[in-house]
Amino acid sequence: MDSSLQGKVILITGGAKRVGAAICRRLHRAGADIMIHYRSSRDEALALQAELNEDRSDSTEVAQANLLDIPSLPRLVAETVGRFGGLDALINNASSFFPTAVGEITEEVWTDLIGTNLKAPLFLCQAAVPELRKRRGCIVNITDIHAERPMKSYLVYSVGKAGLVGLTKSLARELSPEVRVNAVAPGAIVWPADSQWADEDTRRAIIQRIPLKRTGEPEEIARAVAFLVADAPYVTGQVLAVDGGRSVTL
């Protein structure tokens, strides 16, 4: 059994389902104690908590928070430290994702997409830094390959993820040498729920443009996160694309 993260404490935002849940499971298998953050996916969060605690008792907790409520973010860190005694890693995974056509962008849309993808990660990192410095911990942000090459019709989302890449690199400078900061940039992993992506012809066309000719699995993102947390002590300020080579063809 992998025990590379034995005794480590990790807070994962948006950890109740999809890629976030895969990250929780992978880091938990490596021995870490996990704080699963959720906003509205309470049932999924509790089910995942029960699953992980059955495997290793008292190793997982859940915490609810709206990440757009910036004053509440220090509480997430405090709850994690209060429950497990410290904090070794923060994974900023939670994200809003939906299209924004030019001419129809509202301040509400901007607040949501920039808030979840950039503003909340910044302020949550800031709240976590004192604890992370104590343990020479790390931060991993989940960005997107479209941070570098914007996706058509997703202007505000692409801008938010581009900002998160900039935040990753800036924090790596600001927080060194005590805290490492890196990012994972997924490609096509889990098809979005948006009906735009439901069409089989659209999906096939995307897959044909991926050099490895397939979509990725959430577990493949989770493995990349685990590498950056557990096995990359001399890596900071980097963005690891896990996209089957898609970013070289964009």
C-alpha atoms as a PDB file:
ATOM      1  CA  MET A   1       0.000   0.000   0.000  1.00  0.00           C
ATOM      2  CA  ASP A   2       1.206   3.490  -0.900  1.00  0.00           C
ATOM      3  CA  SER A   3       2.030   5.421   2.268  1.00  0.00           C
ATOM      4  CA  SER A   4       3.822   8.397   0.707  1.00  0.00           C
ATOM      5  CA  LEU A   5       1.385  10.829   2.349  1.00  0.00           C
ATOM      6  CA  GLN A   6       1.049   9.106   5.699  1.00  0.00           C
ATOM      7  CA  GLY A   7       0.273  11.670   8.394  1.00  0.00           C
ATOM      8  CA  LYS A   8      -0.363  14.490   5.902  1.00  0.00           C
ATOM      9  CA  VAL A   9      -3.515  16.625   5.987  1.00  0.00           C
ATOM     10  CA  ILE A  10      -5.037  17.840   2.729  1.00  0.00           C
ATOM     11  CA  LEU A  11      -7.944  20.205   2.018  1.00  0.00           C
ATOM     12  CA  ILE A  12      -9.597  19.683  -1.379  1.00  0.00           C
ATOM     13  CA  THR A  13     -12.192  22.128  -2.690  1.00  0.00           C
ATOM     14  CA  GLY A  14     -15.023  20.717  -4.770  1.00  0.00           C
ATOM     15  CA  GLY A  15     -14.009  17.275  -3.595  1.00  0.00           C
ATOM     16  CA  ALA A  16     -17.404  15.586  -3.519  1.00  0.00           C
ATOM     17  CA  LYS A  17     -17.653  14.374  -7.115  1.00  0.00           C
ATOM     18  CA  ARG A  18     -16.089  14.008 -10.548  1.00  0.00           C
ATOM     19  CA  VAL A  19     -12.378  14.918 -10.662  1.00  0.00           C
ATOM     20  CA  GLY A  20     -12.429  16.241  -7.091  1.00  0.00           C
ATOM     21  CA  ALA A  21     -13.628  12.900  -5.730  1.00  0.00           C
ATOM     22  CA  ALA A  22     -10.919  11.064  -7.687  1.00  0.00           C
ATOM     23  CA  ILE A  23      -8.307  13.359  -6.131  1.00  0.00           C
ATOM     24  CA  CYS A  24      -9.706  12.692  -2.656  1.00  0.00           C
ATOM     25  CA  ARG A  25      -9.586   8.917  -3.195  1.00  0.00           C
ATOM     26  CA  ARG A  26      -6.055   8.938  -4.610  1.00  0.00           C
ATOM     27  CA  LEU A  27      -4.547  11.076  -1.870  1.00  0.00           C
ATOM     28  CA  HIS A  28      -6.426   9.099   0.777  1.00  0.00           C
ATOM     29  CA  ARG A  29      -5.018   5.824  -0.602  1.00  0.00           C
ATOM     30  CA  ALA A  30      -1.571   7.339  -0.157  1.00  0.00           C
ATOM     31  CA  GLY A  31      -2.252   7.775   3.565  1.00  0.00           C
ATOM     32  CA  ALA A  32      -3.439  11.379   3.818  1.00  0.00           C
ATOM     33  CA  ASP A  33      -6.248  12.649   6.031  1.00  0.00           C
ATOM     34  CA  ILE A  34      -8.745  14.481   3.836  1.00  0.00           C
ATOM     35  CA  MET A  35     -11.025  17.474   4.324  1.00  0.00           C
ATOM     36  CA  ILE A  36     -13.645  17.374   1.556  1.00  0.00           C
ATOM     37  CA  HIS A  37     -15.073  20.788   0.775  1.00  0.00           C
ATOM     38  CA  TYR A  38     -18.441  21.053  -0.937  1.00  0.00           C
ATOM     39  CA  ARG A  39     -20.889  23.840  -1.724  1.00  0.00           C
ATOM     40  CA  SER A  40     -24.183  22.082  -2.513  1.00  0.00           C
ATOM     41  CA  SER A  41     -23.218  18.428  -3.118  1.00  0.00           C
ATOM     42  CA  ARG A  42     -23.861  17.405   0.485  1.00  0.00           C
ATOM     43  CA  ASP A  43     -25.105  13.886  -0.251  1.00  0.00           C
ATOM     44  CA  GLU A  44     -22.124  13.081  -2.468  1.00  0.00           C
ATOM     45  CA  ALA A  45     -19.692  14.522   0.082  1.00  0.00           C
ATOM     46  CA  LEU A  46     -21.154  12.479   2.931  1.00  0.00           C
ATOM     47  CA  ALA A  47     -21.168   9.314   0.817  1.00  0.00           C
ATOM     48  CA  LEU A  48     -17.498   9.817  -0.072  1.00  0.00           C
ATOM     49  CA  GLN A  49     -16.653  10.540   3.568  1.00  0.00           C
ATOM     50  CA  ALA A  50     -18.329   7.290   4.623  1.00  0.00           C
ATOM     51  CA  GLU A  51     -16.484   5.358   1.905  1.00  0.00           C
ATOM     52  CA  LEU A  52     -13.071   6.690   2.905  1.00  0.00           C
ATOM     53  CA  ASN A  53     -13.684   6.385   6.642  1.00  0.00           C
ATOM     54  CA  GLU A  54     -14.721   2.772   6.157  1.00  0.00           C
ATOM     55  CA  ASP A  55     -11.330   2.164   4.613  1.00  0.00           C
ATOM     56  CA  ARG A  56      -9.509   4.089   7.377  1.00  0.00           C
ATOM     57  CA  SER A  57     -11.537   5.302  10.337  1.00  0.00           C
ATOM     58  CA  ASP A  58     -11.626   8.992  11.281  1.00  0.00           C
ATOM     59  CA  SER A  59      -9.482   9.921   8.287  1.00  0.00           C
ATOM     60  CA  THR A  60     -11.962  12.097   6.402  1.00  0.00           C
ATOM     61  CA  GLU A  61     -14.194  15.050   7.233  1.00  0.00           C
ATOM     62  CA  VAL A  62     -16.477  17.305   5.212  1.00  0.00           C
ATOM     63  CA  ALA A  63     -16.902  21.082   5.281  1.00  0.00           C
ATOM     64  CA  GLN A  64     -19.526  23.186   3.522  1.00  0.00           C
ATOM     65  CA  ALA A  65     -18.757  26.644   2.163  1.00  0.00           C
ATOM     66  CA  ASN A  66     -19.733  28.966  -0.658  1.00  0.00           C
ATOM     67  CA  LEU A  67     -16.352  29.935  -2.083  1.00  0.00           C
ATOM     68  CA  LEU A  68     -17.784  33.228  -3.329  1.00  0.00           C
ATOM     69  CA  ASP A  69     -18.220  34.223   0.329  1.00  0.00           C
ATOM     70  CA  ILE A  70     -14.634  35.340   0.799  1.00  0.00           C
ATOM     71  CA  PRO A  71     -14.873  36.086   4.563  1.00  0.00           C
ATOM     72  CA  SER A  72     -15.843  32.434   5.153  1.00  0.00           C
ATOM     73  CA  LEU A  73     -12.692  30.982   3.585  1.00  0.00           C
ATOM     74  CA  PRO A  74     -10.428  31.213   6.669  1.00  0.00           C
ATOM     75  CA  ARG A  75     -13.038  29.080   8.424  1.00  0.00           C
ATOM     76  CA  LEU A  76     -12.355  26.227   5.980  1.00  0.00           C
ATOM     77  CA  VAL A  77      -8.707  26.281   6.958  1.00  0.00           C
ATOM     78  CA  ALA A  78      -9.537  26.603  10.667  1.00  0.00           C
ATOM     79  CA  GLU A  79     -11.956  23.651  10.506  1.00  0.00           C
ATOM     80  CA  THR A  80      -9.313  21.518   8.807  1.00  0.00           C
ATOM     81  CA  VAL A  81      -6.631  22.407  11.344  1.00  0.00           C
ATOM     82  CA  GLY A  82      -9.059  21.979  14.236  1.00  0.00           C
ATOM     83  CA  ARG A  83     -10.084  18.525  13.040  1.00  0.00           C
ATOM     84  CA  PHE A  84      -6.701  17.119  12.003  1.00  0.00           C
ATOM     85  CA  GLY A  85      -4.123  19.286  13.775  1.00  0.00           C
ATOM     86  CA  GLY A  86      -2.537  20.990  10.778  1.00  0.00           C
ATOM     87  CA  LEU A  87      -2.513  21.446   7.029  1.00  0.00           C
ATOM     88  CA  ASP A  88       0.050  20.081   4.558  1.00  0.00           C
ATOM     89  CA  ALA A  89      -1.569  20.703   1.187  1.00  0.00           C
ATOM     90  CA  LEU A  90      -4.370  22.702  -0.400  1.00  0.00           C
ATOM     91  CA  ILE A  91      -5.912  21.543  -3.679  1.00  0.00           C
ATOM     92  CA  ASN A  92      -7.948  24.266  -5.401  1.00  0.00           C
ATOM     93  CA  ASN A  93     -10.201  22.119  -7.567  1.00  0.00           C
ATOM     94  CA  ALA A  94     -13.670  23.730  -7.314  1.00  0.00           C
ATOM     95  CA  SER A  95     -14.725  25.597 -10.452  1.00  0.00           C
ATOM     96  CA  SER A  96     -17.722  27.036 -12.243  1.00  0.00           C
ATOM     97  CA  PHE A  97     -17.842  26.255 -15.963  1.00  0.00           C
ATOM     98  CA  PHE A  98     -20.323  27.557 -18.495  1.00  0.00           C
ATOM     99  CA  PRO A  99     -20.261  29.527 -21.779  1.00  0.00           C
ATOM    100  CA  THR A 100     -20.350  33.320 -21.949  1.00  0.00           C
ATOM    101  CA  ALA A 101     -21.152  34.909 -25.296  1.00  0.00           C
ATOM    102  CA  VAL A 102     -19.714  38.373 -25.921  1.00  0.00           C
ATOM    103  CA  GLY A 103     -22.546  40.866 -25.624  1.00  0.00           C
ATOM    104  CA  GLU A 104     -24.317  38.765 -23.010  1.00  0.00           C
ATOM    105  CA  ILE A 105     -21.726  38.835 -20.228  1.00  0.00           C
ATOM    106  CA  THR A 106     -23.128  40.231 -16.993  1.00  0.00           C
ATOM    107  CA  GLU A 107     -21.452  41.238 -13.770  1.00  0.00           C
ATOM    108  CA  GLU A 108     -23.150  38.279 -12.082  1.00  0.00           C
ATOM    109  CA  VAL A 109     -21.568  35.866 -14.563  1.00  0.00           C
ATOM    110  CA  TRP A 110     -18.176  37.545 -14.116  1.00  0.00           C
ATOM    111  CA  THR A 111     -18.461  37.322 -10.333  1.00  0.00           C
ATOM    112  CA  ASP A 112     -19.246  33.600 -10.479  1.00  0.00           C
ATOM    113  CA  LEU A 113     -16.614  32.496 -12.993  1.00  0.00           C
ATOM    114  CA  ILE A 114     -13.779  34.755 -11.844  1.00  0.00           C
ATOM    115  CA  GLY A 115     -14.800  34.217  -8.233  1.00  0.00           C
ATOM    116  CA  THR A 116     -14.598  30.418  -8.256  1.00  0.00           C
ATOM    117  CA  ASN A 117     -11.683  30.099 -10.665  1.00  0.00           C
ATOM    118  CA  LEU A 118      -9.398  32.880  -9.432  1.00  0.00           C
ATOM    119  CA  LYS A 119     -10.593  35.020  -6.542  1.00  0.00           C
ATOM    120  CA  ALA A 120     -11.492  32.187  -4.155  1.00  0.00           C
ATOM    121  CA  PRO A 121      -8.236  30.274  -4.806  1.00  0.00           C
ATOM    122  CA  LEU A 122      -6.240  33.423  -4.056  1.00  0.00           C
ATOM    123  CA  PHE A 123      -7.985  34.156  -0.770  1.00  0.00           C
ATOM    124  CA  LEU A 124      -8.057  30.515   0.294  1.00  0.00           C
ATOM    125  CA  CYS A 125      -4.332  30.235  -0.402  1.00  0.00           C
ATOM    126  CA  GLN A 126      -3.762  33.377   1.632  1.00  0.00           C
ATOM    127  CA  ALA A 127      -5.713  31.927   4.540  1.00  0.00           C
ATOM    128  CA  ALA A 128      -3.811  28.629   4.325  1.00  0.00           C
ATOM    129  CA  VAL A 129      -0.288  30.044   4.021  1.00  0.00           C
ATOM    130  CA  PRO A 130       0.521  30.319   7.761  1.00  0.00           C
ATOM    131  CA  GLU A 131      -0.353  26.658   8.303  1.00  0.00           C
ATOM    132  CA  LEU A 132       1.354  25.491   5.117  1.00  0.00           C
ATOM    133  CA  ARG A 133       4.545  27.326   6.069  1.00  0.00           C
ATOM    134  CA  LYS A 134       4.654  25.519   9.403  1.00  0.00           C
ATOM    135  CA  ARG A 135       4.818  22.152   7.614  1.00  0.00           C
ATOM    136  CA  ARG A 136       6.639  23.236   4.426  1.00  0.00           C
ATOM    137  CA  GLY A 137       3.527  22.237   2.554  1.00  0.00           C
ATOM    138  CA  CYS A 138       2.264  22.821  -0.953  1.00  0.00           C
ATOM    139  CA  ILE A 139      -0.592  24.095  -3.109  1.00  0.00           C
ATOM    140  CA  VAL A 140      -1.893  22.493  -6.301  1.00  0.00           C
ATOM    141  CA  ASN A 141      -4.317  24.471  -8.462  1.00  0.00           C
ATOM    142  CA  ILE A 142      -6.466  22.772 -11.081  1.00  0.00           C
ATOM    143  CA  THR A 143      -6.309  24.993 -14.152  1.00  0.00           C
ATOM    144  CA  ASP A 144      -7.158  24.070 -17.763  1.00  0.00           C
ATOM    145  CA  ILE A 145      -5.268  23.729 -21.042  1.00  0.00           C
ATOM    146  CA  HIS A 146      -7.531  26.511 -22.331  1.00  0.00           C
ATOM    147  CA  ALA A 147      -5.902  28.944 -19.920  1.00  0.00           C
ATOM    148  CA  GLU A 148      -3.140  29.240 -22.518  1.00  0.00           C
ATOM    149  CA  ARG A 149      -5.338  28.962 -25.623  1.00  0.00           C
ATOM    150  CA  PRO A 150      -8.829  30.302 -24.869  1.00  0.00           C
ATOM    151  CA  MET A 151     -11.856  28.191 -25.759  1.00  0.00           C
ATOM    152  CA  LYS A 152     -14.358  29.829 -28.090  1.00  0.00           C
ATOM    153  CA  SER A 153     -17.594  30.912 -26.349  1.00  0.00           C
ATOM    154  CA  TYR A 154     -16.016  30.476 -22.887  1.00  0.00           C
ATOM    155  CA  LEU A 155     -14.363  33.880 -22.599  1.00  0.00           C
ATOM    156  CA  VAL A 156     -14.787  34.575 -18.877  1.00  0.00           C
ATOM    157  CA  TYR A 157     -13.961  30.987 -17.854  1.00  0.00           C
ATOM    158  CA  SER A 158     -10.790  31.063 -19.982  1.00  0.00           C
ATOM    159  CA  VAL A 159      -9.777  34.407 -18.468  1.00  0.00           C
ATOM    160  CA  GLY A 160     -10.336  33.014 -14.955  1.00  0.00           C
ATOM    161  CA  LYS A 161      -8.169  29.970 -15.608  1.00  0.00           C
ATOM    162  CA  ALA A 162      -5.477  32.128 -17.225  1.00  0.00           C
ATOM    163  CA  GLY A 163      -5.469  34.193 -14.051  1.00  0.00           C
ATOM    164  CA  LEU A 164      -5.119  31.015 -11.997  1.00  0.00           C
ATOM    165  CA  VAL A 165      -2.008  30.072 -13.980  1.00  0.00           C
ATOM    166  CA  GLY A 166      -0.598  33.515 -13.221  1.00  0.00           C
ATOM    167  CA  LEU A 167      -1.525  33.115  -9.580  1.00  0.00           C
ATOM    168  CA  THR A 168       0.244  29.745  -9.456  1.00  0.00           C
ATOM    169  CA  LYS A 169       3.501  31.176 -10.758  1.00  0.00           C
ATOM    170  CA  SER A 170       3.296  34.338  -8.672  1.00  0.00           C
ATOM    171  CA  LEU A 171       2.607  32.435  -5.455  1.00  0.00           C
ATOM    172  CA  ALA A 172       5.497  30.090  -6.204  1.00  0.00           C
ATOM    173  CA  ARG A 173       7.785  33.116  -6.040  1.00  0.00           C
ATOM    174  CA  GLU A 174       6.081  34.739  -3.083  1.00  0.00           C
ATOM    175  CA  LEU A 175       5.921  31.635  -0.875  1.00  0.00           C
ATOM    176  CA  SER A 176       9.258  29.995  -1.588  1.00  0.00           C
ATOM    177  CA  PRO A 177      11.187  28.347  -0.099  1.00  0.00           C
ATOM    178  CA  GLU A 178       8.684  27.125   2.509  1.00  0.00           C
ATOM    179  CA  VAL A 179       5.673  26.405   0.263  1.00  0.00           C
ATOM    180  CA  ARG A 180       5.673  24.908  -3.227  1.00  0.00           C
ATOM    181  CA  VAL A 181       2.903  25.970  -5.641  1.00  0.00           C
ATOM    182  CA  ASN A 182       2.084  24.094  -8.856  1.00  0.00           C
ATOM    183  CA  ALA A 183      -0.878  23.407 -11.108  1.00  0.00           C
ATOM    184  CA  VAL A 184      -2.392  20.591 -13.143  1.00  0.00           C
ATOM    185  CA  ALA A 185      -4.053  21.552 -16.433  1.00  0.00           C
ATOM    186  CA  PRO A 186      -6.565  18.905 -17.568  1.00  0.00           C
ATOM    187  CA  GLY A 187      -7.665  18.437 -21.141  1.00  0.00           C
ATOM    188  CA  ALA A 188     -10.780  16.444 -22.088  1.00  0.00           C
ATOM    189  CA  ILE A 189     -11.405  14.367 -18.960  1.00  0.00           C
ATOM    190  CA  VAL A 190     -15.089  14.271 -17.989  1.00  0.00           C
ATOM    191  CA  TRP A 191     -17.557  15.641 -20.514  1.00  0.00           C
ATOM    192  CA  PRO A 192     -19.369  18.686 -19.095  1.00  0.00           C
ATOM    193  CA  ALA A 193     -23.073  18.374 -18.328  1.00  0.00           C
ATOM    194  CA  ASP A 194     -23.792  21.223 -20.778  1.00  0.00           C
ATOM    195  CA  SER A 195     -25.865  19.966 -23.731  1.00  0.00           C
ATOM    196  CA  GLN A 196     -23.306  21.474 -26.105  1.00  0.00           C
ATOM    197  CA  TRP A 197     -21.021  18.537 -25.301  1.00  0.00           C
ATOM    198  CA  ALA A 198     -23.649  15.786 -25.523  1.00  0.00           C
ATOM    199  CA  ASP A 199     -23.491  15.444 -29.300  1.00  0.00           C
ATOM    200  CA  GLU A 200     -21.496  12.354 -30.294  1.00  0.00           C
ATOM    201  CA  ASP A 201     -20.139  14.001 -33.460  1.00  0.00           C
ATOM    202  CA  THR A 202     -18.753  16.877 -31.359  1.00  0.00           C
ATOM    203  CA  ARG A 203     -17.098  14.438 -28.982  1.00  0.00           C
ATOM    204  CA  ARG A 204     -15.588  12.363 -31.794  1.00  0.00           C
ATOM    205  CA  ALA A 205     -14.203  15.497 -33.440  1.00  0.00           C
ATOM    206  CA  ILE A 206     -12.482  16.530 -30.207  1.00  0.00           C
ATOM    207  CA  ILE A 207     -11.039  13.058 -29.633  1.00  0.00           C
ATOM    208  CA  GLN A 208      -9.656  13.000 -33.190  1.00  0.00           C
ATOM    209  CA  ARG A 209      -7.643  16.130 -32.365  1.00  0.00           C
ATOM    210  CA  ILE A 210      -6.085  14.494 -29.281  1.00  0.00           C
ATOM    211  CA  PRO A 211      -2.770  12.788 -30.141  1.00  0.00           C
ATOM    212  CA  LEU A 212      -3.509   9.858 -27.788  1.00  0.00           C
ATOM    213  CA  LYS A 213      -6.977   9.493 -29.391  1.00  0.00           C
ATOM    214  CA  ARG A 214      -8.986   9.221 -26.189  1.00  0.00           C
ATOM    215  CA  THR A 215     -10.333  11.257 -23.325  1.00  0.00           C
ATOM    216  CA  GLY A 216      -8.596  11.088 -19.989  1.00  0.00           C
ATOM    217  CA  GLU A 217      -9.858   9.643 -16.733  1.00  0.00           C
ATOM    218  CA  PRO A 218     -10.329  11.553 -13.452  1.00  0.00           C
ATOM    219  CA  GLU A 219      -7.819   9.146 -11.898  1.00  0.00           C
ATOM    220  CA  GLU A 220      -5.166  10.443 -14.303  1.00  0.00           C
ATOM    221  CA  ILE A 221      -5.631  13.970 -12.959  1.00  0.00           C
ATOM    222  CA  ALA A 222      -5.548  12.589  -9.423  1.00  0.00           C
ATOM    223  CA  ARG A 223      -2.238  10.827 -10.094  1.00  0.00           C
ATOM    224  CA  ALA A 224      -0.712  14.066 -11.379  1.00  0.00           C
ATOM    225  CA  VAL A 225      -1.867  15.889  -8.248  1.00  0.00           C
ATOM    226  CA  ALA A 226      -0.448  13.129  -6.043  1.00  0.00           C
ATOM    227  CA  PHE A 227       2.887  13.399  -7.865  1.00  0.00           C
ATOM    228  CA  LEU A 228       3.105  17.147  -7.265  1.00  0.00           C
ATOM    229  CA  VAL A 229       2.156  16.756  -3.601  1.00  0.00           C
ATOM    230  CA  ALA A 230       4.244  13.706  -2.692  1.00  0.00           C
ATOM    231  CA  ASP A 231       7.024  13.176  -5.223  1.00  0.00           C
ATOM    232  CA  ALA A 232       8.114  16.563  -6.554  1.00  0.00           C
ATOM    233  CA  PRO A 233      10.104  18.300  -3.795  1.00  0.00           C
ATOM    234  CA  TYR A 234      12.172  20.297  -6.313  1.00  0.00           C
ATOM    235  CA  VAL A 235       9.213  21.405  -8.465  1.00  0.00           C
ATOM    236  CA  THR A 236       7.443  24.734  -7.992  1.00  0.00           C
ATOM    237  CA  GLY A 237       5.799  27.289 -10.266  1.00  0.00           C
ATOM    238  CA  GLN A 238       4.969  24.684 -12.909  1.00  0.00           C
ATOM    239  CA  VAL A 239       1.812  23.760 -14.819  1.00  0.00           C
ATOM    240  CA  LEU A 240       1.556  20.072 -15.731  1.00  0.00           C
ATOM    241  CA  ALA A 241      -0.770  19.438 -18.693  1.00  0.00           C
ATOM    242  CA  VAL A 242      -2.610  16.132 -18.471  1.00  0.00           C
ATOM    243  CA  ASP A 243      -4.392  16.215 -21.807  1.00  0.00           C
ATOM    244  CA  GLY A 244      -3.246  13.370 -24.038  1.00  0.00           C
ATOM    245  CA  GLY A 245      -1.159  15.874 -25.995  1.00  0.00           C
ATOM    246  CA  ARG A 246      -4.138  18.071 -26.893  1.00  0.00           C
ATOM    247  CA  SER A 247      -2.366  21.308 -25.981  1.00  0.00           C
ATOM    248  CA  VAL A 248       0.290  20.785 -28.659  1.00  0.00           C
ATOM    249  CA  THR A 249      -2.388  20.644 -31.366  1.00  0.00           C
ATOM    250  CA  LEU A 250      -4.479  23.676 -30.323  1.00  0.00           C
END
